[in-house]
C-alpha atoms as a PDB file:
ATOM      1  CA  MET A   1     -15.938 -31.561  98.970  1.00  0.00           C
ATOM      2  CA  THR A   2     -17.163 -34.587 100.874  1.00  0.00           C
ATOM      3  CA  LEU A   3     -16.782 -37.986  99.213  1.00  0.00           C
ATOM      4  CA  SER A   4     -19.573 -40.483  99.634  1.00  0.00           C
ATOM      5  CA  MET A   5     -18.796 -44.188  99.816  1.00  0.00           C
ATOM      6  CA  ARG A   6     -21.098 -47.129  99.394  1.00  0.00           C
ATOM      7  CA  THR A   7     -18.908 -49.241 101.673  1.00  0.00           C
ATOM      8  CA  PRO A   8     -17.218 -47.602 104.681  1.00  0.00           C
ATOM      9  CA  LEU A   9     -13.473 -48.066 105.108  1.00  0.00           C
ATOM     10  CA  GLU A  10     -12.320 -50.513 107.735  1.00  0.00           C
ATOM     11  CA  PRO A  11     -10.234 -49.199 110.649  1.00  0.00           C
ATOM     12  CA  VAL A  12      -6.458 -49.424 110.248  1.00  0.00           C
ATOM     13  CA  LEU A  13      -5.251 -52.365 112.270  1.00  0.00           C
ATOM     14  CA  ARG A  14      -1.871 -53.277 113.698  1.00  0.00           C
ATOM     15  CA  PRO A  15       0.047 -56.050 111.922  1.00  0.00           C
ATOM     16  CA  SER A  16      -1.385 -59.437 112.776  1.00  0.00           C
ATOM     17  CA  THR A  17       0.536 -61.911 114.884  1.00  0.00           C
ATOM     18  CA  ALA A  18       0.759 -64.179 111.838  1.00  0.00           C
ATOM     19  CA  SER A  19       2.394 -61.380 109.839  1.00  0.00           C
ATOM     20  CA  MET A  20       4.923 -60.771 112.595  1.00  0.00           C
ATOM     21  CA  VAL A  21       5.671 -64.505 112.767  1.00  0.00           C
ATOM     22  CA  ALA A  22       6.251 -64.576 109.008  1.00  0.00           C
ATOM     23  CA  ASP A  23       8.534 -61.521 109.247  1.00  0.00           C
ATOM     24  CA  ARG A  24      10.637 -63.016 112.059  1.00  0.00           C
ATOM     25  CA  VAL A  25      11.054 -66.402 110.405  1.00  0.00           C
ATOM     26  CA  ARG A  26      11.715 -64.833 106.987  1.00  0.00           C
ATOM     27  CA  GLU A  27      14.485 -62.724 108.510  1.00  0.00           C
ATOM     28  CA  ALA A  28      16.002 -65.767 110.214  1.00  0.00           C
ATOM     29  CA  ILE A  29      16.050 -67.590 106.873  1.00  0.00           C
ATOM     30  CA  ALA A  30      17.622 -64.611 105.101  1.00  0.00           C
ATOM     31  CA  THR A  31      20.421 -64.232 107.659  1.00  0.00           C
ATOM     32  CA  GLY A  32      21.140 -67.949 107.881  1.00  0.00           C
ATOM     33  CA  ASP A  33      20.010 -68.275 111.491  1.00  0.00           C
ATOM     34  CA  LEU A  34      17.646 -70.876 110.057  1.00  0.00           C
ATOM     35  CA  ALA A  35      19.959 -72.675 107.659  1.00  0.00           C
ATOM     36  CA  PRO A  36      18.810 -74.197 104.366  1.00  0.00           C
ATOM     37  CA  GLY A  37      17.343 -77.647 104.951  1.00  0.00           C
ATOM     38  CA  THR A  38      16.465 -76.954 108.602  1.00  0.00           C
ATOM     39  CA  GLN A  39      13.305 -78.681 109.794  1.00  0.00           C
ATOM     40  CA  LEU A  40      10.967 -76.384 111.715  1.00  0.00           C
ATOM     41  CA  GLY A  41       9.350 -77.714 114.862  1.00  0.00           C
ATOM     42  CA  GLU A  42       6.078 -75.980 115.712  1.00  0.00           C
ATOM     43  CA  ALA A  43       6.360 -76.432 119.461  1.00  0.00           C
ATOM     44  CA  GLU A  44       9.876 -74.994 119.660  1.00  0.00           C
ATOM     45  CA  LEU A  45       9.096 -72.104 117.311  1.00  0.00           C
ATOM     46  CA  ALA A  46       5.937 -71.230 119.222  1.00  0.00           C
ATOM     47  CA  ARG A  47       7.931 -71.197 122.444  1.00  0.00           C
ATOM     48  CA  GLN A  48      10.730 -69.046 121.023  1.00  0.00           C
ATOM     49  CA  LEU A  49       8.355 -66.539 119.449  1.00  0.00           C
ATOM     50  CA  GLY A  50       5.895 -66.510 122.346  1.00  0.00           C
ATOM     51  CA  VAL A  51       2.858 -67.211 120.179  1.00  0.00           C
ATOM     52  CA  SER A  52       0.135 -69.839 120.016  1.00  0.00           C
ATOM     53  CA  ARG A  53       0.001 -72.557 117.373  1.00  0.00           C
ATOM     54  CA  GLY A  54      -2.764 -70.889 115.308  1.00  0.00           C
ATOM     55  CA  PRO A  55      -0.921 -67.671 114.336  1.00  0.00           C
ATOM     56  CA  LEU A  56       2.322 -69.641 114.012  1.00  0.00           C
ATOM     57  CA  ARG A  57       0.816 -72.006 111.456  1.00  0.00           C
ATOM     58  CA  GLU A  58      -0.713 -69.115 109.520  1.00  0.00           C
ATOM     59  CA  GLY A  59       2.619 -67.296 109.426  1.00  0.00           C
ATOM     60  CA  LEU A  60       4.483 -70.403 108.274  1.00  0.00           C
ATOM     61  CA  GLN A  61       1.834 -71.036 105.626  1.00  0.00           C
ATOM     62  CA  ARG A  62       2.569 -67.592 104.181  1.00  0.00           C
ATOM     63  CA  LEU A  63       6.249 -68.475 103.904  1.00  0.00           C
ATOM     64  CA  THR A  64       5.342 -71.761 102.248  1.00  0.00           C
ATOM     65  CA  GLN A  65       3.316 -69.832  99.669  1.00  0.00           C
ATOM     66  CA  GLU A  66       6.301 -67.524  99.128  1.00  0.00           C
ATOM     67  CA  GLY A  67       8.431 -70.572  98.389  1.00  0.00           C
ATOM     68  CA  LEU A  68      10.759 -70.152 101.379  1.00  0.00           C
ATOM     69  CA  LEU A  69       9.479 -73.210 103.227  1.00  0.00           C
ATOM     70  CA  LEU A  70       8.848 -76.657 101.815  1.00  0.00           C
ATOM     71  CA  SER A  71       6.082 -78.849 103.211  1.00  0.00           C
ATOM     72  CA  ILE A  72       6.862 -82.572 102.956  1.00  0.00           C
ATOM     73  CA  ARG A  73       3.977 -84.909 103.717  1.00  0.00           C
ATOM     74  CA  ASN A  74       4.371 -86.904 106.928  1.00  0.00           C
ATOM     75  CA  ARG A  75       7.674 -85.147 107.639  1.00  0.00           C
ATOM     76  CA  GLY A  76       6.945 -81.474 108.240  1.00  0.00           C
ATOM     77  CA  LEU A  77       8.224 -78.068 107.151  1.00  0.00           C
ATOM     78  CA  PHE A  78      11.765 -77.398 105.966  1.00  0.00           C
ATOM     79  CA  VAL A  79      13.685 -74.287 104.946  1.00  0.00           C
ATOM     80  CA  ILE A  80      14.311 -74.437 101.204  1.00  0.00           C
ATOM     81  CA  GLU A  81      17.768 -75.333  99.963  1.00  0.00           C
ATOM     82  CA  MET A  82      19.293 -73.094  97.314  1.00  0.00           C
ATOM     83  CA  THR A  83      19.874 -75.792  94.723  1.00  0.00           C
ATOM     84  CA  PRO A  84      21.792 -74.877  91.542  1.00  0.00           C
ATOM     85  CA  GLU A  85      18.513 -74.836  89.608  1.00  0.00           C
ATOM     86  CA  ARG A  86      16.815 -72.533  92.127  1.00  0.00           C
ATOM     87  CA  VAL A  87      19.804 -70.185  92.296  1.00  0.00           C
ATOM     88  CA  ARG A  88      19.986 -70.023  88.488  1.00  0.00           C
ATOM     89  CA  ASP A  89      16.283 -69.216  88.234  1.00  0.00           C
ATOM     90  CA  MET A  90      16.482 -66.561  90.944  1.00  0.00           C
ATOM     91  CA  TYR A  91      19.384 -64.805  89.221  1.00  0.00           C
ATOM     92  CA  LEU A  92      17.551 -65.028  85.900  1.00  0.00           C
ATOM     93  CA  ALA A  93      14.623 -63.168  87.482  1.00  0.00           C
ATOM     94  CA  ARG A  94      16.895 -60.613  89.164  1.00  0.00           C
ATOM     95  CA  GLN A  95      18.756 -59.990  85.936  1.00  0.00           C
ATOM     96  CA  ALA A  96      15.500 -59.321  84.087  1.00  0.00           C
ATOM     97  CA  VAL A  97      14.248 -56.911  86.750  1.00  0.00           C
ATOM     98  CA  GLU A  98      17.513 -55.018  87.204  1.00  0.00           C
ATOM     99  CA  ARG A  99      18.203 -54.667  83.480  1.00  0.00           C
ATOM    100  CA  ALA A 100      14.708 -53.254  82.984  1.00  0.00           C
ATOM    101  CA  ALA A 101      15.240 -50.910  85.937  1.00  0.00           C
ATOM    102  CA  ALA A 102      18.595 -49.742  84.572  1.00  0.00           C
ATOM    103  CA  GLU A 103      17.012 -48.955  81.210  1.00  0.00           C
ATOM    104  CA  GLN A 104      14.460 -46.748  82.954  1.00  0.00           C
ATOM    105  CA  VAL A 105      17.145 -45.060  85.048  1.00  0.00           C
ATOM    106  CA  HIS A 106      19.054 -44.069  81.899  1.00  0.00           C
ATOM    107  CA  GLN A 107      15.877 -42.480  80.553  1.00  0.00           C
ATOM    108  CA  ARG A 108      15.295 -40.483  83.740  1.00  0.00           C
ATOM    109  CA  ARG A 109      18.140 -39.193  85.923  1.00  0.00           C
ATOM    110  CA  PRO A 110      21.159 -41.442  85.326  1.00  0.00           C
ATOM    111  CA  VAL A 111      23.720 -39.052  86.819  1.00  0.00           C
ATOM    112  CA  ASP A 112      21.754 -38.591  90.049  1.00  0.00           C
ATOM    113  CA  ALA A 113      21.214 -42.339  90.274  1.00  0.00           C
ATOM    114  CA  GLY A 114      24.896 -43.074  89.666  1.00  0.00           C
ATOM    115  CA  GLU A 115      25.967 -40.631  92.357  1.00  0.00           C
ATOM    116  CA  ALA A 116      23.489 -42.139  94.816  1.00  0.00           C
ATOM    117  CA  LEU A 117      24.881 -45.592  94.039  1.00  0.00           C
ATOM    118  CA  LEU A 118      28.442 -44.357  94.571  1.00  0.00           C
ATOM    119  CA  THR A 119      27.424 -43.265  98.071  1.00  0.00           C
ATOM    120  CA  VAL A 120      26.440 -46.858  98.823  1.00  0.00           C
ATOM    121  CA  ILE A 121      29.748 -48.046  97.365  1.00  0.00           C
ATOM    122  CA  GLU A 122      31.598 -45.785  99.802  1.00  0.00           C
ATOM    123  CA  GLN A 123      29.875 -47.673 102.617  1.00  0.00           C
ATOM    124  CA  MET A 124      30.785 -50.963 100.941  1.00  0.00           C
ATOM    125  CA  ALA A 125      34.427 -49.928 100.683  1.00  0.00           C
ATOM    126  CA  LEU A 126      34.521 -48.950 104.360  1.00  0.00           C
ATOM    127  CA  ALA A 127      33.012 -52.295 105.316  1.00  0.00           C
ATOM    128  CA  GLY A 128      35.601 -54.060 103.170  1.00  0.00           C
ATOM    129  CA  ALA A 129      38.467 -52.138 104.756  1.00  0.00           C
ATOM    130  CA  ALA A 130      37.166 -53.183 108.167  1.00  0.00           C
ATOM    131  CA  ASP A 131      36.756 -56.801 106.978  1.00  0.00           C
ATOM    132  CA  ASP A 132      33.080 -56.476 107.920  1.00  0.00           C
ATOM    133  CA  GLU A 133      31.378 -59.268 105.964  1.00  0.00           C
ATOM    134  CA  ALA A 134      27.912 -58.398 107.264  1.00  0.00           C
ATOM    135  CA  GLY A 135      28.390 -54.765 106.293  1.00  0.00           C
ATOM    136  CA  LEU A 136      29.577 -55.748 102.834  1.00  0.00           C
ATOM    137  CA  ALA A 137      26.547 -57.959 102.258  1.00  0.00           C
ATOM    138  CA  ALA A 138      24.196 -55.235 103.519  1.00  0.00           C
ATOM    139  CA  SER A 139      25.772 -52.643 101.202  1.00  0.00           C
ATOM    140  CA  ASP A 140      25.660 -55.076  98.282  1.00  0.00           C
ATOM    141  CA  LEU A 141      21.947 -55.604  98.841  1.00  0.00           C
ATOM    142  CA  GLN A 142      21.318 -51.888  99.316  1.00  0.00           C
ATOM    143  CA  PHE A 143      23.079 -51.129  96.020  1.00  0.00           C
ATOM    144  CA  HIS A 144      20.756 -53.369  94.019  1.00  0.00           C
ATOM    145  CA  GLU A 145      17.641 -52.250  95.878  1.00  0.00           C
ATOM    146  CA  LEU A 146      18.542 -48.614  95.215  1.00  0.00           C
ATOM    147  CA  LEU A 147      19.210 -49.307  91.541  1.00  0.00           C
ATOM    148  CA  VAL A 148      15.689 -50.684  91.119  1.00  0.00           C
ATOM    149  CA  GLU A 149      14.194 -47.939  93.286  1.00  0.00           C
ATOM    150  CA  GLN A 150      15.756 -45.298  91.025  1.00  0.00           C
ATOM    151  CA  SER A 151      13.707 -46.636  88.106  1.00  0.00           C
ATOM    152  CA  GLU A 152      10.627 -45.210  89.846  1.00  0.00           C
ATOM    153  CA  SER A 153       8.667 -48.300  88.826  1.00  0.00           C
ATOM    154  CA  PRO A 154       6.543 -49.667  91.692  1.00  0.00           C
ATOM    155  CA  ARG A 155       6.019 -52.958  89.875  1.00  0.00           C
ATOM    156  CA  LEU A 156       9.724 -53.547  89.281  1.00  0.00           C
ATOM    157  CA  ALA A 157      10.389 -52.701  92.941  1.00  0.00           C
ATOM    158  CA  GLN A 158       7.691 -55.129  94.064  1.00  0.00           C
ATOM    159  CA  MET A 159       9.040 -57.905  91.851  1.00  0.00           C
ATOM    160  CA  HIS A 160      12.558 -57.263  93.146  1.00  0.00           C
ATOM    161  CA  ALA A 161      11.345 -57.367  96.758  1.00  0.00           C
ATOM    162  CA  THR A 162       9.925 -60.877  96.288  1.00  0.00           C
ATOM    163  CA  LEU A 163      13.468 -62.069  95.481  1.00  0.00           C
ATOM    164  CA  LEU A 164      14.989 -60.362  98.520  1.00  0.00           C
ATOM    165  CA  THR A 165      15.206 -63.285 100.948  1.00  0.00           C
ATOM    166  CA  GLU A 166      16.693 -65.687  98.407  1.00  0.00           C
ATOM    167  CA  THR A 167      19.144 -62.978  97.339  1.00  0.00           C
ATOM    168  CA  ARG A 168      20.308 -62.580 100.927  1.00  0.00           C
ATOM    169  CA  MET A 169      20.728 -66.350 101.239  1.00  0.00           C
ATOM    170  CA  CYS A 170      22.988 -66.277  98.176  1.00  0.00           C
ATOM    171  CA  LEU A 171      24.955 -63.282  99.458  1.00  0.00           C
ATOM    172  CA  ASN A 172      25.735 -65.265 102.607  1.00  0.00           C
ATOM    173  CA  ALA A 173      27.304 -67.940 100.421  1.00  0.00           C
ATOM    174  CA  LEU A 174      29.063 -65.476  98.089  1.00  0.00           C
ATOM    175  CA  LYS A 175      31.095 -63.706 100.755  1.00  0.00           C
ATOM    176  CA  ALA A 176      33.864 -66.308 100.792  1.00  0.00           C
ATOM    177  CA  THR A 177      34.272 -66.491  97.003  1.00  0.00           C
ATOM    178  CA  TYR A 178      35.965 -63.136  96.319  1.00  0.00           C
ATOM    179  CA  ALA A 179      39.759 -63.000  96.292  1.00  0.00           C
ATOM    180  CA  SER A 180      39.546 -59.549  97.889  1.00  0.00           C
ATOM    181  CA  HIS A 181      36.912 -57.092  99.050  1.00  0.00           C
ATOM    182  CA  ASP A 182      38.226 -54.588  96.478  1.00  0.00           C
ATOM    183  CA  GLU A 183      37.158 -56.896  93.664  1.00  0.00           C
ATOM    184  CA  ARG A 184      33.577 -56.890  94.908  1.00  0.00           C
ATOM    185  CA  VAL A 185      33.565 -53.105  95.383  1.00  0.00           C
ATOM    186  CA  ASP A 186      35.058 -52.482  91.930  1.00  0.00           C
ATOM    187  CA  GLU A 187      32.328 -54.518  90.194  1.00  0.00           C
ATOM    188  CA  HIS A 188      29.637 -52.338  91.728  1.00  0.00           C
ATOM    189  CA  ARG A 189      31.546 -49.097  91.185  1.00  0.00           C
ATOM    190  CA  ALA A 190      31.803 -49.805  87.450  1.00  0.00           C
ATOM    191  CA  ILE A 191      28.020 -50.182  87.234  1.00  0.00           C
ATOM    192  CA  ALA A 192      27.475 -46.895  89.072  1.00  0.00           C
ATOM    193  CA  ARG A 193      29.991 -45.047  86.898  1.00  0.00           C
ATOM    194  CA  SER A 194      28.268 -46.272  83.728  1.00  0.00           C
ATOM    195  CA  PHE A 195      25.143 -44.349  84.748  1.00  0.00           C
ATOM    196  CA  ILE A 196      27.117 -41.154  85.346  1.00  0.00           C
ATOM    197  CA  ASP A 197      28.921 -41.579  82.009  1.00  0.00           C
ATOM    198  CA  GLY A 198      25.616 -42.096  80.189  1.00  0.00           C
ATOM    199  CA  GLU A 199      26.489 -45.548  78.840  1.00  0.00           C
ATOM    200  CA  PRO A 200      23.284 -47.645  78.850  1.00  0.00           C
ATOM    201  CA  ARG A 201      24.797 -50.475  76.808  1.00  0.00           C
ATOM    202  CA  LEU A 202      27.746 -50.675  79.164  1.00  0.00           C
ATOM    203  CA  THR A 203      25.415 -50.719  82.181  1.00  0.00           C
ATOM    204  CA  ASP A 204      23.469 -53.579  80.648  1.00  0.00           C
ATOM    205  CA  SER A 205      26.569 -55.628  79.838  1.00  0.00           C
ATOM    206  CA  LEU A 206      28.030 -55.001  83.306  1.00  0.00           C
ATOM    207  CA  LEU A 207      24.804 -56.150  84.998  1.00  0.00           C
ATOM    208  CA  VAL A 208      24.718 -59.321  82.907  1.00  0.00           C
ATOM    209  CA  ALA A 209      28.379 -60.009  83.681  1.00  0.00           C
ATOM    210  CA  HIS A 210      27.804 -59.310  87.378  1.00  0.00           C
ATOM    211  CA  MET A 211      24.942 -61.807  87.583  1.00  0.00           C
ATOM    212  CA  ARG A 212      26.840 -64.441  85.604  1.00  0.00           C
ATOM    213  CA  ASP A 213      29.882 -63.979  87.810  1.00  0.00           C
ATOM    214  CA  ALA A 214      27.783 -64.464  90.954  1.00  0.00           C
ATOM    215  CA  LEU A 215      26.269 -67.655  89.508  1.00  0.00           C
ATOM    216  CA  ALA A 216      29.709 -68.997  88.593  1.00  0.00           C
ATOM    217  CA  ARG A 217      31.021 -68.300  92.078  1.00  0.00           C
ATOM    218  CA  LEU A 218      28.052 -69.984  93.748  1.00  0.00           C
ATOM    219  CA  HIS A 219      28.258 -73.036  91.522  1.00  0.00           C
ATOM    220  CA  ALA A 220      31.979 -73.350  92.256  1.00  0.00           C
ATOM    221  CA  GLU A 221      31.293 -73.576  95.994  1.00  0.00           C
END
């Protein structure tokens, strides 16, 4: 059967230069290559990225709309600083999303989800044994992304993705606050096991405790 359309579809285009600029700068913010509070100079950024001022400004405007850059009149653009208030609000949003995702996981395939999460924890443990801070942070992030993904809710996944860069900024600061890597691994393992054991209330309480613990560690820095 042939479908008729009143308006023809537009051709699929490659990502715009502005999108690629936004992606590169967003990644630099997430990894700490562009530290919180850093002022961005257009001329230097355009040179480093090999782009003209037009696409650069459009890309930076997208990041400003996302809340990752702050525009100060007569001064310029700055990378946001993760103030206590901003960190608290970000973790409040993450907690809401991940608790809702966990509830859905328990109603679907909690054992499969728990086993998938334990696979990530194995990677986290290996990174900890190797004293690989970057690997630990990557596994930590992957754990929480996978938890939300297992809910099979596109909206929860989309909401979680909007918090990704700020989460990574916080993970960079968290790495020095654990007494040992085992402590960090054990927190995540307990959450995964609660899915396998079919304990939704325990999962919920562990997620709340995990978020509160992260906030306490960041505020103690």
